[in-house]
Amino acid sequence: MKLLLDTHVWLWSLIEPEKLSTRVRKELAEAGNELWLSPISLWEVLILCERGRLELEPDPDRWIEDALEKAPLIEAPLTHRIARRISRVDLPHRDPADRFLAATAVALDLTLVTADKRLIECQGIRVLAT
């Protein structure tokens, strides 16, 4: 299975794995599965840190670098095709990060791993709920 990790799922998998369901932890550990991460998630993490909603030590940039080395993931590209796909993703909200993640999942035929009910209920996106 090809899994695109939502930002919070990526963070939880590294910081608070107990927040993930048993099934999600199993799928993330499954050697045959591909784990993908969008640069949008890194952008989201950096914004959370700038706004004081998340603290990463020793600093956000170093934490991200260490996290990516410790648990390497496939980098999902940001392409023109994905940007165009955003207008065809039917989300009940206009959050730009969620729109990019949903469009990425659809365009690259990935399953989005998320706890976000708005994404879970979205039509046309394959989802693995946490």
Protein backbone atom coordinates (compact mmCIF):
# COMPACT_ATOMS: atom_id res chain seq x y z
CA MET A 1 0.00 0.00 0.00
CA LYS A 2 1.22 3.54 -0.79
CA LEU A 3 0.46 5.77 2.20
CA LEU A 4 0.59 9.57 2.26
CA LEU A 5 0.95 10.71 5.87
CA ASP A 6 -1.07 13.71 6.98
CA THR A 7 1.05 16.16 8.95
CA HIS A 8 -0.31 15.16 12.36
CA VAL A 9 0.10 11.45 11.57
CA TRP A 10 3.75 12.01 10.70
CA LEU A 11 4.29 13.95 13.94
CA TRP A 12 2.39 11.42 16.05
CA SER A 13 4.34 8.51 14.53
CA LEU A 14 7.54 10.12 15.81
CA ILE A 15 6.45 11.89 19.01
CA GLU A 16 3.22 10.27 20.24
CA PRO A 17 2.70 6.92 18.50
CA GLU A 18 0.09 5.94 21.10
CA LYS A 19 -2.28 8.40 19.39
CA LEU A 20 -2.31 6.18 16.30
CA SER A 21 -4.67 3.26 16.04
CA THR A 22 -3.26 -0.25 16.16
CA ARG A 23 -4.10 -0.70 12.48
CA VAL A 24 -2.28 2.49 11.45
CA ARG A 25 0.80 1.59 13.52
CA LYS A 26 0.79 -1.84 11.86
CA GLU A 27 0.49 -0.36 8.35
CA LEU A 28 3.26 2.16 9.01
CA ALA A 29 5.55 -0.65 10.20
CA GLU A 30 4.67 -3.00 7.31
CA ALA A 31 7.84 -3.41 5.24
CA GLY A 32 5.91 -3.76 1.98
CA ASN A 33 4.15 -0.41 2.35
CA GLU A 34 5.51 2.82 0.91
CA LEU A 35 5.37 5.82 3.25
CA TRP A 36 5.09 9.21 1.53
CA LEU A 37 5.34 12.73 2.95
CA SER A 38 4.50 15.97 1.20
CA PRO A 39 6.69 19.07 1.54
CA ILE A 40 3.39 20.73 2.50
CA SER A 41 3.59 18.84 5.81
CA LEU A 42 7.03 20.29 6.54
CA TRP A 43 5.66 23.75 5.74
CA GLU A 44 2.75 23.11 8.10
CA VAL A 45 5.08 22.01 10.91
CA LEU A 46 7.24 25.11 10.49
CA ILE A 47 4.15 27.36 10.61
CA LEU A 48 2.95 25.62 13.79
CA CYS A 49 6.37 26.24 15.35
CA GLU A 50 6.41 29.90 14.26
CA ARG A 51 2.99 30.42 15.84
CA GLY A 52 4.06 28.77 19.10
CA ARG A 53 1.62 25.86 18.74
CA LEU A 54 4.42 23.27 18.46
CA GLU A 55 7.89 23.18 19.97
CA LEU A 56 10.60 20.98 18.48
CA GLU A 57 14.09 20.66 19.94
CA PRO A 58 16.77 21.72 19.37
CA ASP A 59 15.02 23.80 16.69
CA PRO A 60 12.37 22.96 14.06
CA ASP A 61 14.75 22.79 11.10
CA ARG A 62 17.19 20.44 12.85
CA TRP A 63 14.33 18.33 14.26
CA ILE A 64 12.88 17.86 10.77
CA GLU A 65 16.28 16.97 9.34
CA ASP A 66 16.86 14.39 12.10
CA ALA A 67 13.33 12.97 11.75
CA LEU A 68 13.72 12.49 8.00
CA GLU A 69 17.08 10.75 8.50
CA LYS A 70 15.71 8.50 11.25
CA ALA A 71 12.57 7.49 9.36
CA PRO A 72 13.10 8.12 5.66
CA LEU A 73 9.98 8.65 3.57
CA ILE A 74 9.30 9.10 -0.10
CA GLU A 75 9.00 12.80 -0.88
CA ALA A 76 5.72 13.50 -2.64
CA PRO A 77 6.32 16.03 -5.39
CA LEU A 78 4.48 19.33 -5.74
CA THR A 79 3.63 19.42 -9.40
CA HIS A 80 1.50 21.44 -11.78
CA ARG A 81 -0.78 18.41 -12.12
CA ILE A 82 -1.34 18.32 -8.36
CA ALA A 83 -1.95 22.08 -8.19
CA ARG A 84 -4.55 21.79 -10.97
CA ARG A 85 -6.18 18.83 -9.21
CA ILE A 86 -6.93 21.01 -6.15
CA SER A 87 -9.90 22.61 -7.91
CA ARG A 88 -11.47 19.17 -8.38
CA VAL A 89 -11.07 18.00 -4.78
CA ASP A 90 -14.35 18.37 -2.95
CA LEU A 91 -13.44 19.41 0.59
CA PRO A 92 -15.89 21.01 3.03
CA HIS A 93 -13.26 23.63 3.95
CA ARG A 94 -10.61 25.73 2.22
CA ASP A 95 -7.51 24.80 4.27
CA PRO A 96 -4.68 25.04 1.71
CA ALA A 97 -2.56 22.29 3.29
CA ASP A 98 -5.46 19.82 3.35
CA ARG A 99 -6.33 20.71 -0.24
CA PHE A 100 -2.75 20.01 -1.37
CA LEU A 101 -2.60 16.74 0.57
CA ALA A 102 -5.93 15.55 -0.83
CA ALA A 103 -4.94 16.50 -4.38
CA THR A 104 -1.58 14.77 -3.94
CA ALA A 105 -3.26 11.57 -2.75
CA VAL A 106 -5.61 11.56 -5.75
CA ALA A 107 -3.02 12.54 -8.37
CA LEU A 108 -0.41 10.02 -7.19
CA ASP A 109 -2.87 7.24 -6.33
CA LEU A 110 -1.95 7.25 -2.63
CA THR A 111 -4.00 6.44 0.47
CA LEU A 112 -4.12 9.42 2.83
CA VAL A 113 -3.52 8.46 6.48
CA THR A 114 -5.36 10.97 8.65
CA ALA A 115 -7.44 11.57 11.75
CA ASP A 116 -9.08 14.64 10.20
CA LYS A 117 -12.82 13.88 9.96
CA ARG A 118 -13.24 16.43 7.18
CA LEU A 119 -10.73 14.51 5.05
CA ILE A 120 -12.06 11.11 6.10
CA GLU A 121 -15.53 12.08 4.90
CA CYS A 122 -14.30 13.56 1.63
CA GLN A 123 -15.51 11.80 -1.51
CA GLY A 124 -12.96 10.60 -4.05
CA ILE A 125 -10.01 10.21 -1.69
CA ARG A 126 -8.79 6.86 -0.41
CA VAL A 127 -8.27 7.22 3.34
CA LEU A 128 -6.87 5.16 6.18
CA ALA A 129 -8.34 6.66 9.36
CA THR A 130 -6.31 6.72 12.55
